[in-house]
Amino acid sequence: MILLPVGGAGQAMAAFRQSDGSVVWKKDDAGNAYSSPLLINVDGFDQVVQLMAASVFAINPLNGDLSWYVKHEAQAATIASRTMRWGGALLLVFIVVHILHLTTGTIRPAGSFSHQDVYANVVTSFRIWWVSLFYIVAMIALGFHLFHGAWSSVRSIGVSPPSPNPLHHRVSLVLAILIWAAFTAIPVAVLTGFVR
């Protein structure tokens, strides 16, 4: 049997027959899952534990019956945490384009590319407004991604307890701003004519 967090009304979790893919059971309305199910054994009984968008629950893997359920509320949400999915997708596209643009020269918005003259590649490309804009927007996504990741990573591993002021993350903010500013400075400097 294969257990999957499907998500949606009446099918938060589903079990499929491995031999033909048919549905054995599907249960609950717990929303979207953010992890794979984990099979544990407690006092000789198997349970499948699943972290969902707003809850953690365990089910009997044989029939999908609920063993236990705990609802959790998000302590705080920032624009950075709410845009992680889209920011991550944009960063994936950016990494591919960046490698094809400035490493291999496969994408040549300025029309030319030299493996020996990296400076010329950067300057001629960033003089084109839409190339600079793409890099700047991608760096904004990187800043948000770093801000949320730096703060939530220490919370996720239990190093930092829940905060009475969850929106005050000074170290994460400073780190994200410094890295964003450093990477954004290059296309801005070329686009504004500061670097020629």
C-alpha atoms as a PDB file:
ATOM      1  CA  MET A   1       0.000   0.000   0.000  1.00  0.00           C
ATOM      2  CA  ILE A   2       1.192   3.529  -0.824  1.00  0.00           C
ATOM      3  CA  LEU A   3       0.078   6.410   1.423  1.00  0.00           C
ATOM      4  CA  LEU A   4       0.005   9.946   0.024  1.00  0.00           C
ATOM      5  CA  PRO A   5      -1.051  13.336   1.388  1.00  0.00           C
ATOM      6  CA  VAL A   6      -3.356  14.254  -1.503  1.00  0.00           C
ATOM      7  CA  GLY A   7      -5.060  17.307   0.019  1.00  0.00           C
ATOM      8  CA  GLY A   8      -8.541  18.643  -0.598  1.00  0.00           C
ATOM      9  CA  ALA A   9     -11.997  17.928   0.700  1.00  0.00           C
ATOM     10  CA  GLY A  10     -12.391  14.344   1.863  1.00  0.00           C
ATOM     11  CA  GLN A  11      -8.937  13.294   0.735  1.00  0.00           C
ATOM     12  CA  ALA A  12      -6.302  14.829   2.989  1.00  0.00           C
ATOM     13  CA  MET A  13      -4.692  11.374   3.006  1.00  0.00           C
ATOM     14  CA  ALA A  14      -5.211   8.508   0.600  1.00  0.00           C
ATOM     15  CA  ALA A  15      -3.979   4.934   0.346  1.00  0.00           C
ATOM     16  CA  PHE A  16      -3.405   3.278  -3.017  1.00  0.00           C
ATOM     17  CA  ARG A  17      -2.905  -0.379  -3.898  1.00  0.00           C
ATOM     18  CA  GLN A  18       0.660  -0.779  -5.114  1.00  0.00           C
ATOM     19  CA  SER A  19      -0.275  -3.465  -7.640  1.00  0.00           C
ATOM     20  CA  ASP A  20      -2.799  -1.490  -9.699  1.00  0.00           C
ATOM     21  CA  GLY A  21      -2.962   2.056  -8.219  1.00  0.00           C
ATOM     22  CA  SER A  22      -6.576   1.727  -7.120  1.00  0.00           C
ATOM     23  CA  VAL A  23      -7.768   3.728  -4.102  1.00  0.00           C
ATOM     24  CA  VAL A  24      -7.974   1.666  -0.894  1.00  0.00           C
ATOM     25  CA  TRP A  25      -9.247   4.564   1.225  1.00  0.00           C
ATOM     26  CA  LYS A  26      -9.203   8.386   1.394  1.00  0.00           C
ATOM     27  CA  LYS A  27     -10.099  10.464   4.420  1.00  0.00           C
ATOM     28  CA  ASP A  28     -10.285  13.850   6.133  1.00  0.00           C
ATOM     29  CA  ASP A  29     -10.262  17.518   5.124  1.00  0.00           C
ATOM     30  CA  ALA A  30      -6.943  18.721   6.519  1.00  0.00           C
ATOM     31  CA  GLY A  31      -5.773  20.916   3.629  1.00  0.00           C
ATOM     32  CA  ASN A  32      -2.342  20.769   2.018  1.00  0.00           C
ATOM     33  CA  ALA A  33       0.606  18.748   3.278  1.00  0.00           C
ATOM     34  CA  TYR A  34       4.093  20.185   3.661  1.00  0.00           C
ATOM     35  CA  SER A  35       5.967  16.951   4.284  1.00  0.00           C
ATOM     36  CA  SER A  36       5.912  13.258   3.517  1.00  0.00           C
ATOM     37  CA  PRO A  37       3.955  10.998   5.876  1.00  0.00           C
ATOM     38  CA  LEU A  38       6.000   9.298   8.582  1.00  0.00           C
ATOM     39  CA  LEU A  39       5.269   5.748   9.722  1.00  0.00           C
ATOM     40  CA  ILE A  40       5.877   5.281  13.460  1.00  0.00           C
ATOM     41  CA  ASN A  41       5.113   2.494  15.899  1.00  0.00           C
ATOM     42  CA  VAL A  42       3.658   3.419  19.289  1.00  0.00           C
ATOM     43  CA  ASP A  43       3.099   0.632  21.800  1.00  0.00           C
ATOM     44  CA  GLY A  44       2.976  -1.964  19.022  1.00  0.00           C
ATOM     45  CA  PHE A  45       0.522  -0.032  16.834  1.00  0.00           C
ATOM     46  CA  ASP A  46       1.528   1.533  13.511  1.00  0.00           C
ATOM     47  CA  GLN A  47       0.540   5.150  12.949  1.00  0.00           C
ATOM     48  CA  VAL A  48       1.123   7.421   9.981  1.00  0.00           C
ATOM     49  CA  VAL A  49       1.925  10.936  11.185  1.00  0.00           C
ATOM     50  CA  GLN A  50       1.300  13.806   8.769  1.00  0.00           C
ATOM     51  CA  LEU A  51       2.089  17.530   9.023  1.00  0.00           C
ATOM     52  CA  MET A  52      -0.545  19.524   7.186  1.00  0.00           C
ATOM     53  CA  ALA A  53      -1.005  23.250   6.609  1.00  0.00           C
ATOM     54  CA  ALA A  54      -2.803  23.847   9.918  1.00  0.00           C
ATOM     55  CA  SER A  55      -2.553  20.557  11.803  1.00  0.00           C
ATOM     56  CA  VAL A  56      -0.591  17.451  12.665  1.00  0.00           C
ATOM     57  CA  PHE A  57      -2.430  14.149  12.842  1.00  0.00           C
ATOM     58  CA  ALA A  58      -1.901  10.410  12.945  1.00  0.00           C
ATOM     59  CA  ILE A  59      -3.961   7.769  11.204  1.00  0.00           C
ATOM     60  CA  ASN A  60      -4.203   4.010  11.149  1.00  0.00           C
ATOM     61  CA  PRO A  61      -2.449   3.050   7.890  1.00  0.00           C
ATOM     62  CA  LEU A  62      -4.731   0.050   7.336  1.00  0.00           C
ATOM     63  CA  ASN A  63      -8.046   1.910   7.199  1.00  0.00           C
ATOM     64  CA  GLY A  64      -7.296   5.653   7.479  1.00  0.00           C
ATOM     65  CA  ASP A  65      -9.081   6.066  10.812  1.00  0.00           C
ATOM     66  CA  LEU A  66      -7.885   9.056  12.784  1.00  0.00           C
ATOM     67  CA  SER A  67      -5.725   8.178  15.813  1.00  0.00           C
ATOM     68  CA  TRP A  68      -5.110  11.738  17.005  1.00  0.00           C
ATOM     69  CA  TYR A  69      -5.232  15.306  15.714  1.00  0.00           C
ATOM     70  CA  VAL A  70      -3.609  18.583  16.860  1.00  0.00           C
ATOM     71  CA  LYS A  71      -4.504  21.898  15.253  1.00  0.00           C
ATOM     72  CA  HIS A  72      -1.786  24.540  15.121  1.00  0.00           C
ATOM     73  CA  GLU A  73      -2.010  28.182  14.242  1.00  0.00           C
ATOM     74  CA  ALA A  74       0.709  30.142  12.509  1.00  0.00           C
ATOM     75  CA  GLN A  75       2.294  32.536  14.977  1.00  0.00           C
ATOM     76  CA  ALA A  76       2.895  35.224  12.364  1.00  0.00           C
ATOM     77  CA  ALA A  77       3.029  35.571   8.623  1.00  0.00           C
ATOM     78  CA  THR A  78       5.142  38.042   6.696  1.00  0.00           C
ATOM     79  CA  ILE A  79       5.188  38.881   3.017  1.00  0.00           C
ATOM     80  CA  ALA A  80       8.376  36.808   2.873  1.00  0.00           C
ATOM     81  CA  SER A  81       6.686  33.708   4.292  1.00  0.00           C
ATOM     82  CA  ARG A  82       3.619  34.140   2.090  1.00  0.00           C
ATOM     83  CA  THR A  83       5.730  34.436  -1.087  1.00  0.00           C
ATOM     84  CA  MET A  84       8.116  31.522  -0.480  1.00  0.00           C
ATOM     85  CA  ARG A  85       6.470  29.320  -3.126  1.00  0.00           C
ATOM     86  CA  TRP A  86       6.524  31.922  -5.901  1.00  0.00           C
ATOM     87  CA  GLY A  87       9.854  33.350  -4.826  1.00  0.00           C
ATOM     88  CA  GLY A  88      11.381  29.880  -4.872  1.00  0.00           C
ATOM     89  CA  ALA A  89      10.030  29.231  -8.382  1.00  0.00           C
ATOM     90  CA  LEU A  90      11.396  32.578  -9.567  1.00  0.00           C
ATOM     91  CA  LEU A  91      14.784  31.809  -8.018  1.00  0.00           C
ATOM     92  CA  LEU A  92      14.888  28.440  -9.784  1.00  0.00           C
ATOM     93  CA  VAL A  93      14.220  30.169 -13.121  1.00  0.00           C
ATOM     94  CA  PHE A  94      16.782  32.849 -12.230  1.00  0.00           C
ATOM     95  CA  ILE A  95      19.509  30.293 -11.468  1.00  0.00           C
ATOM     96  CA  VAL A  96      18.978  28.550 -14.817  1.00  0.00           C
ATOM     97  CA  VAL A  97      18.875  31.853 -16.749  1.00  0.00           C
ATOM     98  CA  HIS A  98      21.886  33.209 -14.843  1.00  0.00           C
ATOM     99  CA  ILE A  99      23.999  30.158 -15.707  1.00  0.00           C
ATOM    100  CA  LEU A 100      22.887  30.222 -19.356  1.00  0.00           C
ATOM    101  CA  HIS A 101      23.435  33.979 -19.536  1.00  0.00           C
ATOM    102  CA  LEU A 102      26.674  34.727 -17.694  1.00  0.00           C
ATOM    103  CA  THR A 103      28.381  31.330 -17.442  1.00  0.00           C
ATOM    104  CA  THR A 104      27.796  29.436 -20.681  1.00  0.00           C
ATOM    105  CA  GLY A 105      26.741  32.332 -22.923  1.00  0.00           C
ATOM    106  CA  THR A 106      23.818  30.354 -24.315  1.00  0.00           C
ATOM    107  CA  ILE A 107      21.486  33.326 -23.720  1.00  0.00           C
ATOM    108  CA  ARG A 108      22.979  36.505 -25.229  1.00  0.00           C
ATOM    109  CA  PRO A 109      20.670  39.496 -24.761  1.00  0.00           C
ATOM    110  CA  ALA A 110      23.464  41.895 -25.760  1.00  0.00           C
ATOM    111  CA  GLY A 111      24.240  39.833 -28.861  1.00  0.00           C
ATOM    112  CA  SER A 112      27.779  38.878 -27.902  1.00  0.00           C
ATOM    113  CA  PHE A 113      29.553  36.822 -25.231  1.00  0.00           C
ATOM    114  CA  SER A 114      33.204  36.270 -24.376  1.00  0.00           C
ATOM    115  CA  HIS A 115      34.460  33.532 -22.061  1.00  0.00           C
ATOM    116  CA  GLN A 116      37.563  35.673 -21.428  1.00  0.00           C
ATOM    117  CA  ASP A 117      35.865  39.023 -20.705  1.00  0.00           C
ATOM    118  CA  VAL A 118      33.398  38.567 -17.868  1.00  0.00           C
ATOM    119  CA  TYR A 119      33.323  42.313 -17.132  1.00  0.00           C
ATOM    120  CA  ALA A 120      32.177  43.116 -20.686  1.00  0.00           C
ATOM    121  CA  ASN A 121      29.505  40.402 -20.531  1.00  0.00           C
ATOM    122  CA  VAL A 122      28.083  41.865 -17.318  1.00  0.00           C
ATOM    123  CA  VAL A 123      28.219  45.499 -18.425  1.00  0.00           C
ATOM    124  CA  THR A 124      26.799  44.994 -21.936  1.00  0.00           C
ATOM    125  CA  SER A 125      23.982  42.800 -20.602  1.00  0.00           C
ATOM    126  CA  PHE A 126      22.988  45.003 -17.677  1.00  0.00           C
ATOM    127  CA  ARG A 127      22.794  48.061 -19.939  1.00  0.00           C
ATOM    128  CA  ILE A 128      19.627  46.483 -21.306  1.00  0.00           C
ATOM    129  CA  TRP A 129      16.818  47.621 -18.984  1.00  0.00           C
ATOM    130  CA  TRP A 130      14.798  44.391 -18.991  1.00  0.00           C
ATOM    131  CA  VAL A 131      17.867  42.271 -18.193  1.00  0.00           C
ATOM    132  CA  SER A 132      18.643  44.490 -15.183  1.00  0.00           C
ATOM    133  CA  LEU A 133      14.979  44.465 -14.159  1.00  0.00           C
ATOM    134  CA  PHE A 134      14.867  40.647 -14.257  1.00  0.00           C
ATOM    135  CA  TYR A 135      17.976  40.436 -12.053  1.00  0.00           C
ATOM    136  CA  ILE A 136      16.672  43.081  -9.641  1.00  0.00           C
ATOM    137  CA  VAL A 137      13.276  41.356  -9.265  1.00  0.00           C
ATOM    138  CA  ALA A 138      15.042  38.008  -8.731  1.00  0.00           C
ATOM    139  CA  MET A 139      17.209  39.610  -6.030  1.00  0.00           C
ATOM    140  CA  ILE A 140      14.092  40.938  -4.281  1.00  0.00           C
ATOM    141  CA  ALA A 141      12.790  37.352  -4.250  1.00  0.00           C
ATOM    142  CA  LEU A 142      16.187  36.211  -2.924  1.00  0.00           C
ATOM    143  CA  GLY A 143      16.034  38.809  -0.137  1.00  0.00           C
ATOM    144  CA  PHE A 144      12.558  37.654   0.931  1.00  0.00           C
ATOM    145  CA  HIS A 145      13.634  34.016   0.689  1.00  0.00           C
ATOM    146  CA  LEU A 146      16.736  34.602   2.841  1.00  0.00           C
ATOM    147  CA  PHE A 147      14.810  36.688   5.362  1.00  0.00           C
ATOM    148  CA  HIS A 148      12.210  33.995   5.928  1.00  0.00           C
ATOM    149  CA  GLY A 149      14.672  31.094   5.692  1.00  0.00           C
ATOM    150  CA  ALA A 150      17.207  32.558   8.124  1.00  0.00           C
ATOM    151  CA  TRP A 151      14.505  33.253  10.701  1.00  0.00           C
ATOM    152  CA  SER A 152      12.376  30.136  10.328  1.00  0.00           C
ATOM    153  CA  SER A 153      15.264  27.654  10.106  1.00  0.00           C
ATOM    154  CA  VAL A 154      16.279  28.221  13.737  1.00  0.00           C
ATOM    155  CA  ARG A 155      12.614  27.975  14.754  1.00  0.00           C
ATOM    156  CA  SER A 156      12.120  24.750  12.773  1.00  0.00           C
ATOM    157  CA  ILE A 157      14.999  22.950  14.475  1.00  0.00           C
ATOM    158  CA  GLY A 158      13.939  24.164  17.914  1.00  0.00           C
ATOM    159  CA  VAL A 159      16.870  26.482  18.638  1.00  0.00           C
ATOM    160  CA  SER A 160      14.645  29.534  18.983  1.00  0.00           C
ATOM    161  CA  PRO A 161      11.396  29.281  21.004  1.00  0.00           C
ATOM    162  CA  PRO A 162       8.173  31.035  19.974  1.00  0.00           C
ATOM    163  CA  SER A 163       8.628  34.763  20.340  1.00  0.00           C
ATOM    164  CA  PRO A 164       6.297  37.298  21.973  1.00  0.00           C
ATOM    165  CA  ASN A 165       7.248  39.586  19.033  1.00  0.00           C
ATOM    166  CA  PRO A 166       7.315  37.175  16.086  1.00  0.00           C
ATOM    167  CA  LEU A 167       7.637  39.899  13.450  1.00  0.00           C
ATOM    168  CA  HIS A 168      10.869  41.263  14.939  1.00  0.00           C
ATOM    169  CA  HIS A 169      13.714  39.288  13.413  1.00  0.00           C
ATOM    170  CA  ARG A 170      16.568  41.774  13.280  1.00  0.00           C
ATOM    171  CA  VAL A 171      19.409  39.379  12.404  1.00  0.00           C
ATOM    172  CA  SER A 172      17.443  37.827   9.542  1.00  0.00           C
ATOM    173  CA  LEU A 173      16.453  41.262   8.278  1.00  0.00           C
ATOM    174  CA  VAL A 174      20.024  42.606   8.336  1.00  0.00           C
ATOM    175  CA  LEU A 175      21.381  39.465   6.638  1.00  0.00           C
ATOM    176  CA  ALA A 176      18.719  39.597   3.906  1.00  0.00           C
ATOM    177  CA  ILE A 177      19.198  43.333   3.287  1.00  0.00           C
ATOM    178  CA  LEU A 178      22.991  43.043   3.073  1.00  0.00           C
ATOM    179  CA  ILE A 179      22.925  40.170   0.592  1.00  0.00           C
ATOM    180  CA  TRP A 180      20.091  41.743  -1.433  1.00  0.00           C
ATOM    181  CA  ALA A 181      21.905  45.099  -1.583  1.00  0.00           C
ATOM    182  CA  ALA A 182      25.214  43.526  -2.617  1.00  0.00           C
ATOM    183  CA  PHE A 183      23.685  41.516  -5.467  1.00  0.00           C
ATOM    184  CA  THR A 184      21.343  44.324  -6.592  1.00  0.00           C
ATOM    185  CA  ALA A 185      24.110  46.941  -6.649  1.00  0.00           C
ATOM    186  CA  ILE A 186      25.728  45.478  -9.773  1.00  0.00           C
ATOM    187  CA  PRO A 187      22.803  45.726 -12.234  1.00  0.00           C
ATOM    188  CA  VAL A 188      21.720  49.060 -10.730  1.00  0.00           C
ATOM    189  CA  ALA A 189      25.240  50.495 -11.050  1.00  0.00           C
ATOM    190  CA  VAL A 190      25.493  49.444 -14.705  1.00  0.00           C
ATOM    191  CA  LEU A 191      21.949  50.528 -15.580  1.00  0.00           C
ATOM    192  CA  THR A 192      22.424  53.980 -14.038  1.00  0.00           C
ATOM    193  CA  GLY A 193      25.787  54.460 -15.764  1.00  0.00           C
ATOM    194  CA  PHE A 194      27.865  54.387 -12.580  1.00  0.00           C
ATOM    195  CA  VAL A 195      29.780  51.409 -14.003  1.00  0.00           C
ATOM    196  CA  ARG A 196      30.698  51.632 -17.684  1.00  0.00           C
END
